[in-house]
Amino acid sequence: MKRILCALLSAIMLTGGAAALPAMGPLHAKSAALYDASGKMLYEFNAEERLQPASVTKIMTMLLAIEAVDRGDVALTDMVTGSAYAASMGGTQIWLKEGEQLSLDEMIKAIAVGSANDCAVAVGEHLAGTEAAFVEKMNSRAQELGCTGTTFVNANGLDAGEQKTMTTARDLALISAELLKHPKILDYTTIWMDSIRGGQFQLANTNKMLRSYKGLIGLKTGYISEAGFCISAAARRDNMTLIATVMAAPTKEDRMADASALLNYGFANFVSYTPDLSGLPKALPVDLGKEKTVALAAETADSVTIEKEKAGELETRINVPDQLSAPVVQGQRVGEIVIVSHGAELMKVPVTAAQTVERKSLFGIYTDFLRAALMKGA
């Protein structure tokens, strides 16, 4: 029989149902979304509409680059050579010359800070051989992340001709959430001003919200006339990271206003919650084990984003058996901690055995039996 310990979280004690979230004010953009860093949707507005993202495309380019670095496939010190094709890119660029070499570190910096179209193509070629092969990787990775409305046609979002990069505010939020799993990227996306080429070329971040919005940590702006003003804006406050994606805003000011409104809405109405696991028993008895008990461990619980009004209505259920039977293997799942909100499961934390307990031998069992019999007779 399982022991079920139910305790109302002590953080905030409230009764009654949670109030509905306040309505989000009107936005200027055609499409927008608000997600947390885990990829949980908090608010959407026409978030499935397929639109051009312009340079926000580069969040996928940066994701593939930083993933390759973290896997050890490439190093930030690797030299990237600019091809004639990469050097031919228009729009925002660092005027890369054919045959010029810059470190991957400087290339990523130029992409994240200066939105360099030429560097985005050069990095794609460095990672995949050709931009076309890199675009295949971009689209494959988007599918893996659950992006249903995304088609990349280049590494930088600088669309020309009939082919156009298309995506959605939802998909951009999912890609952004994945990018934020790599803390190294913040070394680039939080830069306000810097330089490359030994200080000879100055970079100024295209994301002006870095100076105007508290807690902003990136990620990327975008603009071409066909796409309008776009942004993936990530901000961190009180241990909670939120992502606001805005597509096809009419002006630069509208883009900033919409992203700020989305983030303000998120920080005002949601909170990061990490469950209190202190009610978990330290150990459980083990039947026929060489040790009488086995210590328990709970996996580190990830925080989840919940509505502030529901924070005091959560229930913690610790589900573990009264005892275990030997053998017990270290890491073996023996129960779980479930966080419930109004009867709905919010999150589940596995409980495991912290050590191995072997089963007693037949001789050991027989010895215990004799000892118990002798004690009873005494």
Protein backbone atom coordinates (compact mmCIF):
# COMPACT_ATOMS: atom_id res chain seq x y z
CA MET A 1 0.00 0.00 0.00
CA LYS A 2 1.35 3.38 -0.96
CA ARG A 3 1.73 6.14 1.54
CA ILE A 4 0.27 9.40 0.23
CA LEU A 5 1.30 12.49 2.09
CA CYS A 6 -0.62 15.55 0.99
CA ALA A 7 0.42 18.98 2.15
CA LEU A 8 -0.71 22.37 1.02
CA LEU A 9 2.37 24.33 0.03
CA SER A 10 3.37 26.69 2.78
CA ALA A 11 4.58 29.46 0.48
CA ILE A 12 1.15 31.08 0.15
CA MET A 13 -2.03 29.81 1.74
CA LEU A 14 -5.08 30.72 -0.30
CA THR A 15 -8.53 29.24 -0.60
CA GLY A 16 -11.02 29.22 -3.42
CA GLY A 17 -10.46 29.08 -7.19
CA ALA A 18 -7.82 31.16 -8.88
CA ALA A 19 -8.94 34.28 -10.69
CA ALA A 20 -8.74 34.29 -14.47
CA LEU A 21 -5.73 35.96 -15.99
CA PRO A 22 -6.31 39.58 -16.99
CA ALA A 23 -6.70 40.24 -20.68
CA MET A 24 -3.65 41.14 -22.71
CA GLY A 25 -3.83 44.60 -24.22
CA PRO A 26 -3.91 45.19 -27.99
CA LEU A 27 -0.72 44.66 -29.97
CA HIS A 28 0.55 46.36 -33.11
CA ALA A 29 2.13 43.29 -34.71
CA LYS A 30 0.41 40.74 -36.92
CA SER A 31 1.58 37.87 -34.74
CA ALA A 32 3.09 37.41 -31.28
CA ALA A 33 3.76 34.83 -28.61
CA LEU A 34 4.93 34.66 -25.01
CA TYR A 35 6.69 31.50 -23.82
CA ASP A 36 8.86 30.54 -20.90
CA ALA A 37 12.35 29.09 -21.28
CA SER A 38 11.05 25.53 -21.06
CA GLY A 39 8.93 26.05 -24.16
CA LYS A 40 5.65 26.45 -22.29
CA MET A 41 3.14 28.74 -23.97
CA LEU A 42 1.85 31.57 -21.77
CA TYR A 43 0.14 33.76 -24.37
CA GLU A 44 -0.38 33.72 -28.14
CA PHE A 45 -1.80 36.11 -30.71
CA ASN A 46 -2.14 34.73 -34.25
CA ALA A 47 0.94 32.70 -33.31
CA GLU A 48 0.42 30.11 -36.06
CA GLU A 49 0.38 32.62 -38.92
CA ARG A 50 3.31 32.00 -41.27
CA LEU A 51 5.30 35.17 -41.81
CA GLN A 52 8.81 36.18 -42.77
CA PRO A 53 11.12 36.52 -39.75
CA ALA A 54 13.91 38.52 -41.44
CA SER A 55 17.11 38.36 -39.35
CA VAL A 56 15.40 36.58 -36.47
CA THR A 57 16.21 33.61 -38.72
CA LYS A 58 19.68 33.84 -37.20
CA ILE A 59 18.54 32.34 -33.90
CA MET A 60 18.54 28.98 -35.70
CA THR A 61 21.95 29.71 -37.24
CA MET A 62 23.28 30.52 -33.78
CA LEU A 63 21.61 27.44 -32.30
CA LEU A 64 23.29 25.08 -34.77
CA ALA A 65 26.62 26.82 -34.24
CA ILE A 66 26.52 26.71 -30.44
CA GLU A 67 25.28 23.10 -30.48
CA ALA A 68 28.24 22.15 -32.66
CA VAL A 69 30.56 23.88 -30.18
CA ASP A 70 29.00 22.14 -27.18
CA ARG A 71 29.25 18.75 -28.92
CA GLY A 72 32.91 19.38 -29.61
CA ASP A 73 32.48 19.22 -33.39
CA VAL A 74 34.04 22.67 -33.69
CA ALA A 75 35.79 25.11 -31.38
CA LEU A 76 35.30 28.81 -30.93
CA THR A 77 38.96 29.26 -31.82
CA ASP A 78 38.50 27.59 -35.22
CA MET A 79 39.12 29.91 -38.13
CA VAL A 80 36.22 30.43 -40.53
CA THR A 81 37.07 31.45 -44.09
CA GLY A 82 34.79 33.81 -45.95
CA SER A 83 33.78 32.54 -49.39
CA ALA A 84 33.02 34.75 -52.36
CA TYR A 85 29.35 33.87 -51.91
CA ALA A 86 29.33 34.79 -48.21
CA ALA A 87 31.11 38.05 -48.99
CA SER A 88 28.45 38.91 -51.59
CA MET A 89 25.64 39.21 -49.04
CA GLY A 90 23.93 42.56 -48.82
CA GLY A 91 22.08 44.20 -45.97
CA THR A 92 23.67 44.35 -42.55
CA GLN A 93 27.19 42.97 -42.74
CA ILE A 94 30.80 43.36 -41.63
CA TRP A 95 32.05 43.60 -45.23
CA LEU A 96 33.67 40.19 -45.11
CA LYS A 97 36.25 39.73 -47.84
CA GLU A 98 36.68 36.58 -49.90
CA GLY A 99 39.38 34.49 -48.24
CA GLU A 100 39.31 36.51 -45.01
CA GLN A 101 39.51 34.43 -41.87
CA LEU A 102 37.91 35.18 -38.54
CA SER A 103 37.51 32.91 -35.54
CA LEU A 104 34.16 31.23 -35.03
CA ASP A 105 33.94 33.26 -31.81
CA GLU A 106 34.13 36.53 -33.75
CA MET A 107 31.74 35.24 -36.39
CA ILE A 108 29.07 34.38 -33.81
CA LYS A 109 29.63 37.73 -32.12
CA ALA A 110 29.10 39.51 -35.44
CA ILE A 111 25.89 37.55 -36.02
CA ALA A 112 24.44 38.05 -32.53
CA VAL A 113 25.44 41.69 -32.07
CA GLY A 114 25.72 43.15 -35.55
CA SER A 115 23.29 40.82 -37.37
CA ALA A 116 25.97 40.19 -39.99
CA ASN A 117 24.44 38.46 -43.00
CA ASP A 118 27.82 37.60 -44.48
CA CYS A 119 29.00 35.96 -41.27
CA ALA A 120 25.80 33.90 -40.96
CA VAL A 121 26.44 32.40 -44.40
CA ALA A 122 30.14 31.86 -43.66
CA VAL A 123 29.32 30.01 -40.44
CA GLY A 124 26.75 27.87 -42.27
CA GLU A 125 29.31 26.96 -44.89
CA HIS A 126 31.89 26.19 -42.21
CA LEU A 127 29.52 23.84 -40.38
CA ALA A 128 27.92 22.09 -43.35
CA GLY A 129 30.10 22.71 -46.39
CA THR A 130 27.56 24.78 -48.28
CA GLU A 131 24.76 27.10 -47.29
CA ALA A 132 22.26 24.76 -48.96
CA ALA A 133 23.43 21.85 -46.82
CA PHE A 134 23.28 24.07 -43.75
CA VAL A 135 19.70 25.10 -44.58
CA GLU A 136 18.77 21.41 -44.66
CA LYS A 137 20.16 21.12 -41.14
CA MET A 138 18.18 24.21 -40.10
CA ASN A 139 14.92 22.73 -41.36
CA SER A 140 15.65 19.32 -39.87
CA ARG A 141 16.38 20.86 -36.47
CA ALA A 142 13.19 22.92 -36.65
CA GLN A 143 11.16 19.76 -37.19
CA GLU A 144 12.89 18.08 -34.24
CA LEU A 145 11.85 21.00 -32.05
CA GLY A 146 8.21 20.65 -33.05
CA CYS A 147 8.11 23.65 -35.38
CA THR A 148 5.15 23.11 -37.70
CA GLY A 149 5.15 26.32 -39.73
CA THR A 150 8.82 26.89 -40.48
CA THR A 151 10.72 26.68 -43.75
CA PHE A 152 14.22 28.15 -43.91
CA VAL A 153 15.72 29.02 -47.29
CA ASN A 154 18.95 30.68 -46.15
CA ALA A 155 21.13 31.18 -43.09
CA ASN A 156 20.39 34.86 -42.50
CA GLY A 157 16.76 35.73 -43.37
CA LEU A 158 17.82 38.06 -46.17
CA ASP A 159 15.23 36.81 -48.64
CA ALA A 160 15.55 37.53 -52.34
CA GLY A 161 13.46 36.43 -55.29
CA GLU A 162 10.52 34.07 -54.94
CA GLN A 163 11.98 31.91 -52.16
CA LYS A 164 11.13 33.22 -48.72
CA THR A 165 11.89 32.05 -45.23
CA MET A 166 8.59 31.47 -43.44
CA THR A 167 7.94 30.75 -39.79
CA THR A 168 5.55 31.55 -36.95
CA ALA A 169 5.77 33.39 -33.66
CA ARG A 170 5.23 30.06 -31.91
CA ASP A 171 8.06 28.36 -33.78
CA LEU A 172 10.45 31.24 -33.11
CA ALA A 173 9.66 30.93 -29.41
CA LEU A 174 10.44 27.20 -29.46
CA ILE A 175 13.75 27.77 -31.25
CA SER A 176 14.60 30.57 -28.84
CA ALA A 177 13.86 28.34 -25.84
CA GLU A 178 16.22 25.73 -27.24
CA LEU A 179 18.93 28.34 -27.82
CA LEU A 180 18.67 29.46 -24.19
CA LYS A 181 19.60 25.93 -23.07
CA HIS A 182 23.15 26.89 -24.07
CA PRO A 183 24.31 29.52 -21.53
CA LYS A 184 27.33 30.38 -23.68
CA ILE A 185 25.09 32.16 -26.17
CA LEU A 186 24.41 34.87 -23.59
CA ASP A 187 28.06 35.87 -23.84
CA TYR A 188 27.09 37.17 -27.27
CA THR A 189 23.43 38.20 -27.10
CA THR A 190 23.95 40.45 -24.07
CA ILE A 191 26.78 42.47 -25.65
CA TRP A 192 25.88 46.11 -26.16
CA MET A 193 29.01 47.23 -27.99
CA ASP A 194 32.16 45.37 -28.94
CA SER A 195 34.61 44.98 -31.77
CA ILE A 196 36.19 42.37 -34.04
CA ARG A 197 39.26 42.27 -36.28
CA GLY A 198 41.51 43.29 -33.43
CA GLY A 199 39.36 46.30 -32.57
CA GLN A 200 39.27 47.62 -36.13
CA PHE A 201 35.55 46.95 -36.72
CA GLN A 202 33.01 48.19 -34.20
CA LEU A 203 29.78 46.35 -33.41
CA ALA A 204 26.65 47.85 -31.87
CA ASN A 205 23.77 45.60 -30.90
CA THR A 206 20.71 45.92 -33.11
CA ASN A 207 18.56 45.01 -30.08
CA LYS A 208 18.08 48.37 -28.38
CA MET A 209 15.89 46.77 -25.70
CA LEU A 210 19.11 45.67 -24.01
CA ARG A 211 19.38 49.20 -22.68
CA SER A 212 15.69 49.88 -22.11
CA TYR A 213 14.18 46.71 -20.66
CA LYS A 214 15.15 45.39 -17.24
CA GLY A 215 16.56 41.88 -17.35
CA LEU A 216 16.79 41.56 -21.12
CA ILE A 217 19.31 38.92 -22.25
CA GLY A 218 18.74 38.85 -26.03
CA LEU A 219 18.03 37.38 -28.45
CA LYS A 220 17.63 38.80 -31.98
CA THR A 221 15.92 41.52 -33.97
CA GLY A 222 14.99 41.43 -37.64
CA TYR A 223 13.78 43.70 -40.39
CA ILE A 224 13.29 43.67 -44.13
CA SER A 225 10.56 45.62 -45.87
CA GLU A 226 8.52 42.50 -46.72
CA ALA A 227 8.68 41.14 -43.16
CA GLY A 228 8.26 44.29 -41.13
CA PHE A 229 9.89 44.58 -37.72
CA CYS A 230 10.42 41.32 -35.84
CA ILE A 231 12.08 40.28 -32.60
CA SER A 232 12.71 37.39 -30.26
CA ALA A 233 13.19 39.12 -26.90
CA ALA A 234 14.25 37.10 -23.87
CA ALA A 235 14.34 38.53 -20.35
CA ARG A 236 15.15 37.08 -16.93
CA ARG A 237 13.77 38.25 -13.59
CA ASP A 238 13.30 36.49 -10.25
CA ASN A 239 14.63 33.15 -11.55
CA MET A 240 12.15 33.17 -14.42
CA THR A 241 13.10 33.56 -18.10
CA LEU A 242 10.47 34.61 -20.61
CA ILE A 243 10.56 34.83 -24.39
CA ALA A 244 8.45 37.29 -26.38
CA THR A 245 8.33 36.87 -30.15
CA VAL A 246 6.86 39.61 -32.30
CA MET A 247 6.39 39.41 -36.07
CA ALA A 248 5.46 42.01 -38.66
CA ALA A 249 5.22 45.04 -36.40
CA PRO A 250 4.68 48.22 -38.45
CA THR A 251 7.56 50.19 -36.91
CA LYS A 252 10.65 49.71 -34.79
CA GLU A 253 8.88 51.46 -31.91
CA ASP A 254 5.86 49.16 -32.26
CA ARG A 255 8.12 46.13 -32.15
CA MET A 256 9.70 47.29 -28.91
CA ALA A 257 6.35 48.26 -27.40
CA ASP A 258 4.81 44.87 -28.20
CA ALA A 259 7.77 42.89 -26.89
CA SER A 260 7.80 44.97 -23.70
CA ALA A 261 4.04 44.54 -23.25
CA LEU A 262 4.30 40.77 -23.63
CA LEU A 263 7.17 40.48 -21.17
CA ASN A 264 5.48 42.83 -18.69
CA TYR A 265 2.34 40.70 -18.91
CA GLY A 266 4.37 37.58 -18.21
CA PHE A 267 6.28 38.94 -15.23
CA ALA A 268 3.11 40.45 -13.77
CA ASN A 269 1.00 37.30 -13.99
CA PHE A 270 3.35 34.34 -13.73
CA VAL A 271 5.93 33.09 -11.27
CA SER A 272 8.65 30.45 -11.33
CA TYR A 273 7.87 27.62 -8.92
CA THR A 274 10.26 24.97 -7.62
CA PRO A 275 8.60 22.29 -5.48
CA ASP A 276 9.55 21.80 -1.85
CA LEU A 277 10.67 18.18 -1.52
CA SER A 278 11.40 18.31 2.22
CA GLY A 279 8.47 16.00 3.00
CA LEU A 280 10.13 13.05 1.27
CA PRO A 281 11.12 10.30 3.76
CA LYS A 282 14.89 9.97 4.10
CA ALA A 283 14.75 6.17 3.86
CA LEU A 284 12.44 3.18 3.48
CA PRO A 285 12.69 -0.26 5.12
CA VAL A 286 13.88 -3.07 2.85
CA ASP A 287 12.42 -6.55 3.26
CA LEU A 288 15.07 -9.31 3.11
CA GLY A 289 17.81 -6.80 2.44
CA LYS A 290 21.38 -6.95 3.72
CA GLU A 291 20.72 -3.41 4.90
CA LYS A 292 17.57 -2.70 6.89
CA THR A 293 16.78 0.53 5.00
CA VAL A 294 17.59 2.26 1.75
CA ALA A 295 18.09 5.99 1.42
CA LEU A 296 15.86 7.85 -1.00
CA ALA A 297 16.71 10.61 -3.44
CA ALA A 298 14.60 12.88 -5.60
CA GLU A 299 15.89 14.14 -8.90
CA THR A 300 16.60 17.84 -8.93
CA ALA A 301 13.23 19.37 -9.66
CA ASP A 302 13.12 21.82 -12.50
CA SER A 303 11.16 24.98 -11.88
CA VAL A 304 7.89 25.47 -13.72
CA THR A 305 6.06 28.63 -14.65
CA ILE A 306 2.61 28.97 -13.12
CA GLU A 307 0.03 31.70 -12.71
CA LYS A 308 0.71 33.74 -9.60
CA GLU A 309 -2.88 33.33 -8.44
CA LYS A 310 -2.48 29.55 -8.43
CA ALA A 311 0.75 29.50 -6.47
CA GLY A 312 -1.03 29.02 -3.16
CA GLU A 313 -3.39 26.29 -4.40
CA LEU A 314 -0.83 23.63 -5.21
CA GLU A 315 -0.84 20.23 -3.56
CA THR A 316 2.24 18.06 -3.09
CA ARG A 317 1.64 14.31 -3.16
CA ILE A 318 4.55 12.09 -2.12
CA ASN A 319 3.85 8.61 -3.41
CA VAL A 320 6.24 5.97 -2.10
CA PRO A 321 5.59 2.41 -0.82
CA ASP A 322 5.68 1.51 2.87
CA GLN A 323 8.66 -0.73 2.20
CA LEU A 324 10.74 -2.19 -0.59
CA SER A 325 11.81 -5.74 -1.31
CA ALA A 326 15.45 -6.60 -1.89
CA PRO A 327 17.34 -6.44 -4.11
CA VAL A 328 17.22 -2.67 -4.64
CA VAL A 329 19.52 -1.10 -7.23
CA GLN A 330 20.94 2.40 -6.91
CA GLY A 331 18.99 4.72 -9.20
CA GLN A 332 15.98 2.41 -9.25
CA ARG A 333 12.74 4.34 -9.39
CA VAL A 334 10.71 3.60 -6.28
CA GLY A 335 8.09 6.36 -6.29
CA GLU A 336 7.32 9.89 -7.30
CA ILE A 337 6.40 13.33 -6.06
CA VAL A 338 3.45 14.83 -7.89
CA ILE A 339 2.50 18.50 -7.85
CA VAL A 340 -1.22 18.98 -8.46
CA SER A 341 -3.23 22.09 -9.26
CA HIS A 342 -7.03 21.76 -9.05
CA GLY A 343 -6.76 18.03 -9.65
CA ALA A 344 -4.55 18.43 -12.71
CA GLU A 345 -0.98 17.17 -12.62
CA LEU A 346 1.44 20.08 -12.93
CA MET A 347 4.72 18.23 -12.66
CA LYS A 348 6.18 14.91 -11.54
CA VAL A 349 9.52 14.31 -9.82
CA PRO A 350 10.84 10.72 -9.75
CA VAL A 351 12.00 9.27 -6.43
CA THR A 352 14.89 6.80 -6.65
CA ALA A 353 16.99 4.59 -4.41
CA ALA A 354 20.18 6.39 -3.41
CA GLN A 355 22.10 3.15 -2.86
CA THR A 356 22.14 -0.53 -3.72
CA VAL A 357 20.81 -3.01 -1.16
CA GLU A 358 21.48 -6.65 -1.96
CA ARG A 359 19.16 -9.45 -1.02
CA LYS A 360 20.17 -11.62 1.90
CA SER A 361 21.45 -15.12 1.16
CA LEU A 362 19.45 -18.16 2.23
CA PHE A 363 21.93 -18.62 5.05
CA GLY A 364 21.38 -15.03 6.16
CA ILE A 365 17.61 -15.48 6.08
CA TYR A 366 17.92 -18.72 8.06
CA THR A 367 20.19 -17.03 10.63
CA ASP A 368 17.70 -14.20 11.09
CA PHE A 369 14.93 -16.77 11.54
CA LEU A 370 16.86 -18.62 14.24
CA ARG A 371 17.77 -15.37 16.00
CA ALA A 372 14.12 -14.28 16.02
CA ALA A 373 13.01 -17.70 17.29
CA LEU A 374 15.57 -17.68 20.11
CA MET A 375 14.59 -14.19 21.16
CA LYS A 376 10.94 -15.21 21.18
CA GLY A 377 11.71 -18.24 23.29
CA ALA A 378 13.67 -16.17 25.77
